[in-house]
Amino acid sequence: MRCTRCGATESLDPGLAATSCAFCGTATIVDTPADPLMVRPEGIVPFAIDQRNALTRFRDWIGKLWFRPGDLRQKATVDSLRGVYIPFWTFDAETHSVWRAEAGFHENVRRGSSTERRTRWEWRQGVLEKAFDDVPVPASRGLQPLETRPIEPFPTADLTPFDPRYLPGFVAEEVGVDLEHGWAFAKQRMQLEVRAACAAAVPGDTHRNLQVQTEFSEVGYKGALLPVWIAAYQYGGKTYRFLVNGATGKVAGKAPVSWPKILIAVGTVLLLLLIFANL
């Protein structure tokens, strides 16, 4: 099945009847033949969180939201909660980085009867070795990396060889991001982590002009299906999603905000402040 709105392509268990997209909640989905060239996953992490558990977490999350629209519960129903095996690329790499930066050392200097703080700058350099193991990148058309990042990590150490017997009762999305683009995103993520580690290695109280040169080696990758519970619903013409890591139960999501409720709350606070100010 292919969604005409977000473009996600899902493979369904014959026992499931799909009336809406698991990723954006739209009802416009069409049959599409299976792609004979579709990349098959090497491994899979089976669902450990069942739908009842995921639903409990979903309801707890909705119940804790502030200033939500009154009809949000009706829009975000149990029918919208779907178990989906999301395709991921996972990358391994060894990195060797050489960094150079100006390290700042704060000093208190007396000027007459007062003391002022000055910063002494010195150039410093160093080497950083950092290994990465199973950095996940969603190979999904339905979910973006910034959406899946909050529900990481996935227990990729528990990855088992792919077996279609894990799929009945769940949706499996087809790969929508090729290996080249997946590696580009993973490499960027690794570079950001390397830069942060190099920044932490600079001595002193502060630093500036950090320069980092990184070489990658021993790069490896795997294709995997990772479990995610998704509640997707439309509200005010926008798509909102709630995600549950199907292996660990970690949750993340976004929901619409009721601006009238916010304005009422702000107005109430201002009114109370005005009343107390006149007492």
Protein backbone atom coordinates (compact mmCIF):
# COMPACT_ATOMS: atom_id res chain seq x y z
CA MET A 1 0.00 0.00 0.00
CA ARG A 2 1.28 3.48 -0.88
CA CYS A 3 0.13 6.70 0.75
CA THR A 4 -0.71 9.40 -1.77
CA ARG A 5 -0.01 12.13 0.79
CA CYS A 6 3.34 11.32 2.45
CA GLY A 7 4.61 8.70 -0.02
CA ALA A 8 5.26 5.94 2.53
CA THR A 9 4.96 2.40 1.15
CA GLU A 10 3.74 -0.22 3.61
CA SER A 11 3.62 -4.00 3.39
CA LEU A 12 0.63 -5.34 5.31
CA ASP A 13 -0.07 -8.69 6.87
CA PRO A 14 -2.93 -10.29 4.90
CA GLY A 15 -4.99 -10.36 8.09
CA LEU A 16 -4.85 -6.57 8.47
CA ALA A 17 -7.24 -4.16 6.80
CA ALA A 18 -5.67 -0.75 6.23
CA THR A 19 -8.02 2.21 5.84
CA SER A 20 -5.49 4.94 6.63
CA CYS A 21 -1.75 5.58 6.48
CA ALA A 22 0.15 4.65 9.65
CA PHE A 23 2.42 7.66 9.22
CA CYS A 24 0.16 10.61 8.45
CA GLY A 25 -3.34 9.31 9.14
CA THR A 26 -4.68 10.13 5.70
CA ALA A 27 -7.40 7.88 4.31
CA THR A 28 -6.08 8.11 0.76
CA ILE A 29 -4.00 4.97 0.20
CA VAL A 30 -3.73 2.90 -2.96
CA ASP A 31 -2.63 -0.63 -3.77
CA THR A 32 0.82 -0.83 -5.31
CA PRO A 33 2.70 -3.93 -6.48
CA ALA A 34 5.67 -5.07 -4.42
CA ASP A 35 8.99 -3.79 -5.73
CA PRO A 36 11.07 -6.80 -6.84
CA LEU A 37 14.23 -4.72 -6.31
CA MET A 38 13.28 -3.70 -2.77
CA VAL A 39 16.18 -4.00 -0.32
CA ARG A 40 15.56 -6.81 2.13
CA PRO A 41 16.57 -6.20 5.76
CA GLU A 42 19.40 -8.25 7.23
CA GLY A 43 18.02 -8.20 10.75
CA ILE A 44 15.02 -7.35 12.88
CA VAL A 45 14.34 -6.33 16.48
CA PRO A 46 10.97 -7.87 17.41
CA PHE A 47 8.27 -5.95 19.27
CA ALA A 48 8.58 -6.30 23.06
CA ILE A 49 5.91 -3.68 23.90
CA ASP A 50 2.38 -4.82 23.05
CA GLN A 51 -0.44 -2.56 21.87
CA ARG A 52 -2.09 -2.36 25.29
CA ASN A 53 1.16 -1.15 26.86
CA ALA A 54 1.70 1.33 24.03
CA LEU A 55 -1.89 2.57 24.35
CA THR A 56 -1.43 3.13 28.08
CA ARG A 57 1.66 5.22 27.38
CA PHE A 58 -0.24 7.09 24.65
CA ARG A 59 -3.12 7.95 27.00
CA ASP A 60 -0.73 8.95 29.79
CA TRP A 61 1.01 11.27 27.36
CA ILE A 62 -2.24 12.88 26.19
CA GLY A 63 -3.40 13.25 29.79
CA LYS A 64 -0.27 15.20 30.73
CA LEU A 65 -0.56 17.69 27.88
CA TRP A 66 -1.36 21.29 28.76
CA PHE A 67 -3.59 23.58 26.69
CA ARG A 68 -4.63 20.87 24.25
CA PRO A 69 -7.83 21.16 22.15
CA GLY A 70 -10.87 19.68 23.88
CA ASP A 71 -11.54 17.21 21.08
CA LEU A 72 -7.98 15.89 20.88
CA ARG A 73 -8.92 12.63 22.58
CA GLN A 74 -11.53 11.98 19.91
CA LYS A 75 -9.05 12.68 17.12
CA ALA A 76 -6.28 10.56 18.67
CA THR A 77 -8.15 7.30 19.12
CA VAL A 78 -6.96 3.75 19.71
CA ASP A 79 -7.68 3.03 16.05
CA SER A 80 -4.82 5.34 15.10
CA LEU A 81 -2.22 3.34 17.06
CA ARG A 82 -0.35 1.03 14.68
CA GLY A 83 2.65 -1.24 15.13
CA VAL A 84 5.12 -0.62 12.31
CA TYR A 85 8.50 -2.14 11.52
CA ILE A 86 10.48 0.87 10.32
CA PRO A 87 13.43 0.26 7.96
CA PHE A 88 16.72 1.62 9.30
CA TRP A 89 20.31 1.72 8.18
CA THR A 90 22.75 1.27 11.07
CA PHE A 91 26.35 2.39 10.60
CA ASP A 92 29.64 1.56 12.30
CA ALA A 93 32.84 3.59 11.92
CA GLU A 94 36.20 4.35 13.48
CA THR A 95 37.18 8.03 13.54
CA HIS A 96 40.56 9.72 13.96
CA SER A 97 40.34 13.48 14.51
CA VAL A 98 42.93 16.21 14.89
CA TRP A 99 41.65 19.36 16.55
CA ARG A 100 43.06 22.83 17.09
CA ALA A 101 41.50 25.67 19.07
CA GLU A 102 42.18 28.75 21.14
CA ALA A 103 41.81 27.78 24.79
CA GLY A 104 40.71 30.55 27.13
CA PHE A 105 41.87 30.77 30.74
CA HIS A 106 40.01 33.20 33.00
CA GLU A 107 42.14 35.32 35.31
CA ASN A 108 41.15 37.87 37.94
CA VAL A 109 43.22 41.04 37.62
CA ARG A 110 43.22 43.84 40.18
CA ARG A 111 42.86 47.39 38.89
CA GLY A 112 43.14 49.75 41.79
CA SER A 113 40.45 48.88 44.30
CA SER A 114 38.47 46.67 41.92
CA THR A 115 38.97 43.28 40.32
CA GLU A 116 38.09 42.43 36.75
CA ARG A 117 38.14 39.14 34.92
CA ARG A 118 40.25 38.76 31.83
CA THR A 119 40.70 35.81 29.50
CA ARG A 120 44.13 34.66 28.38
CA TRP A 121 44.06 32.86 25.02
CA GLU A 122 46.48 30.13 23.97
CA TRP A 123 46.44 27.88 20.92
CA ARG A 124 46.14 24.21 21.83
CA GLN A 125 45.75 21.07 19.75
CA GLY A 126 45.08 17.39 20.25
CA VAL A 127 43.99 14.07 18.80
CA LEU A 128 40.71 12.26 19.42
CA GLU A 129 39.85 8.65 18.63
CA LYS A 130 36.15 7.76 18.71
CA ALA A 131 34.33 4.60 17.62
CA PHE A 132 30.70 4.45 16.54
CA ASP A 133 28.54 1.35 16.67
CA ASP A 134 25.09 0.96 15.11
CA VAL A 135 24.28 4.64 14.54
CA PRO A 136 20.65 4.41 13.36
CA VAL A 137 19.25 6.32 10.40
CA PRO A 138 15.62 5.74 9.38
CA ALA A 139 15.33 4.61 5.77
CA SER A 140 11.71 5.72 5.90
CA ARG A 141 9.57 8.00 3.78
CA GLY A 142 7.04 8.26 6.60
CA LEU A 143 9.33 9.28 9.49
CA GLN A 144 12.20 11.75 9.59
CA PRO A 145 15.42 11.31 11.62
CA LEU A 146 14.48 14.14 13.97
CA GLU A 147 11.27 12.27 14.83
CA THR A 148 12.90 8.93 15.66
CA ARG A 149 15.90 10.40 17.50
CA PRO A 150 13.95 11.11 20.74
CA ILE A 151 12.90 7.44 21.10
CA GLU A 152 16.43 6.08 20.71
CA PRO A 153 18.27 3.96 21.56
CA PHE A 154 17.05 0.77 19.96
CA PRO A 155 18.59 -2.45 21.31
CA THR A 156 20.43 -3.27 18.10
CA ALA A 157 22.60 -5.71 20.04
CA ASP A 158 19.45 -7.87 20.10
CA LEU A 159 19.19 -7.78 16.31
CA THR A 160 18.21 -11.21 15.00
CA PRO A 161 18.31 -12.49 11.42
CA PHE A 162 15.28 -11.34 9.47
CA ASP A 163 12.40 -13.80 9.65
CA PRO A 164 8.99 -13.00 8.11
CA ARG A 165 7.34 -14.87 10.98
CA TYR A 166 7.84 -11.73 13.09
CA LEU A 167 5.66 -9.67 10.73
CA PRO A 168 2.09 -11.01 11.16
CA GLY A 169 -0.07 -8.47 12.99
CA PHE A 170 2.20 -5.56 12.11
CA VAL A 171 2.90 -3.21 9.22
CA ALA A 172 6.34 -3.23 7.59
CA GLU A 173 7.43 -0.15 5.68
CA GLU A 174 9.56 -0.59 2.59
CA VAL A 175 12.96 1.08 2.34
CA GLY A 176 12.56 4.65 1.09
CA VAL A 177 16.06 6.09 1.64
CA ASP A 178 19.04 4.64 -0.21
CA LEU A 179 22.33 3.69 1.42
CA GLU A 180 24.22 6.72 0.08
CA HIS A 181 21.80 9.23 1.61
CA GLY A 182 21.63 7.20 4.82
CA TRP A 183 25.42 7.28 5.19
CA ALA A 184 25.49 11.03 4.49
CA PHE A 185 23.13 11.63 7.40
CA ALA A 186 24.96 9.20 9.71
CA LYS A 187 28.31 10.80 8.85
CA GLN A 188 26.94 14.25 9.65
CA ARG A 189 25.64 12.97 12.98
CA MET A 190 29.01 11.38 13.79
CA GLN A 191 30.84 14.59 12.88
CA LEU A 192 28.65 16.59 15.26
CA GLU A 193 29.39 14.14 18.08
CA VAL A 194 33.11 14.19 17.27
CA ARG A 195 33.15 17.98 17.28
CA ALA A 196 31.38 18.05 20.66
CA ALA A 197 33.93 15.58 22.06
CA CYS A 198 36.81 17.68 20.71
CA ALA A 199 35.29 20.82 22.24
CA ALA A 200 35.11 19.04 25.60
CA ALA A 201 38.79 18.08 25.26
CA VAL A 202 39.99 21.68 24.89
CA PRO A 203 41.60 22.72 28.20
CA GLY A 204 40.81 25.91 30.05
CA ASP A 205 37.59 27.69 30.95
CA THR A 206 36.32 28.38 27.44
CA HIS A 207 37.44 28.12 23.83
CA ARG A 208 37.01 29.63 20.39
CA ASN A 209 37.99 29.00 16.76
CA LEU A 210 37.71 25.22 17.07
CA GLN A 211 38.95 23.43 13.95
CA VAL A 212 38.44 19.69 13.51
CA GLN A 213 39.67 17.38 10.76
CA THR A 214 38.24 13.87 10.87
CA GLU A 215 39.11 10.71 8.97
CA PHE A 216 36.68 7.78 8.82
CA SER A 217 37.70 4.13 8.55
CA GLU A 218 36.28 0.64 9.06
CA VAL A 219 32.86 1.85 7.90
CA GLY A 220 30.18 -0.83 8.02
CA TYR A 221 26.42 -0.92 7.72
CA LYS A 222 23.37 -3.13 8.14
CA GLY A 223 19.76 -2.90 7.04
CA ALA A 224 17.31 -3.57 9.85
CA LEU A 225 13.63 -3.40 10.75
CA LEU A 226 13.07 -1.71 14.11
CA PRO A 227 9.74 -1.68 16.00
CA VAL A 228 7.75 1.52 16.49
CA TRP A 229 4.18 2.11 17.61
CA ILE A 230 2.78 5.12 15.74
CA ALA A 231 -0.34 7.17 16.41
CA ALA A 232 -0.84 9.52 13.46
CA TYR A 233 -3.78 11.87 13.22
CA GLN A 234 -4.81 14.97 11.31
CA TYR A 235 -5.77 18.11 13.20
CA GLY A 236 -6.31 21.53 11.68
CA GLY A 237 -4.85 20.38 8.39
CA LYS A 238 -1.57 19.26 9.99
CA THR A 239 -0.20 15.82 10.79
CA TYR A 240 0.75 15.02 14.38
CA ARG A 241 2.46 11.85 15.53
CA PHE A 242 3.08 10.04 18.78
CA LEU A 243 5.80 7.36 18.77
CA VAL A 244 6.59 4.52 21.15
CA ASN A 245 9.83 2.56 20.84
CA GLY A 246 8.42 -0.95 20.40
CA ALA A 247 11.41 -2.51 22.14
CA THR A 248 12.01 -0.18 25.12
CA GLY A 249 8.75 1.75 25.56
CA LYS A 250 10.41 5.16 25.27
CA VAL A 251 7.92 7.78 24.02
CA ALA A 252 7.96 11.03 22.05
CA GLY A 253 5.36 13.04 20.22
CA LYS A 254 3.81 16.33 19.21
CA ALA A 255 0.28 17.60 19.66
CA PRO A 256 -1.67 20.68 18.58
CA VAL A 257 -1.97 23.62 20.96
CA SER A 258 -5.23 25.39 21.82
CA TRP A 259 -4.42 29.10 21.57
CA PRO A 260 -7.78 30.17 23.06
CA LYS A 261 -6.94 28.17 26.21
CA ILE A 262 -3.48 29.74 26.34
CA LEU A 263 -4.93 33.25 25.97
CA ILE A 264 -7.50 32.55 28.70
CA ALA A 265 -4.75 31.29 31.02
CA VAL A 266 -2.53 34.31 30.32
CA GLY A 267 -5.47 36.67 30.79
CA THR A 268 -6.34 35.00 34.11
CA VAL A 269 -2.78 35.38 35.38
CA LEU A 270 -2.66 39.04 34.35
CA LEU A 271 -6.01 39.68 36.03
CA LEU A 272 -4.82 38.07 39.28
CA LEU A 273 -1.62 40.12 39.21
CA LEU A 274 -3.66 43.28 38.70
CA ILE A 275 -5.97 42.39 41.61
CA PHE A 276 -3.09 41.66 43.98
CA ALA A 277 -1.28 44.83 42.89
CA ASN A 278 -4.29 46.92 43.95
CA LEU A 279 -4.70 45.30 47.37
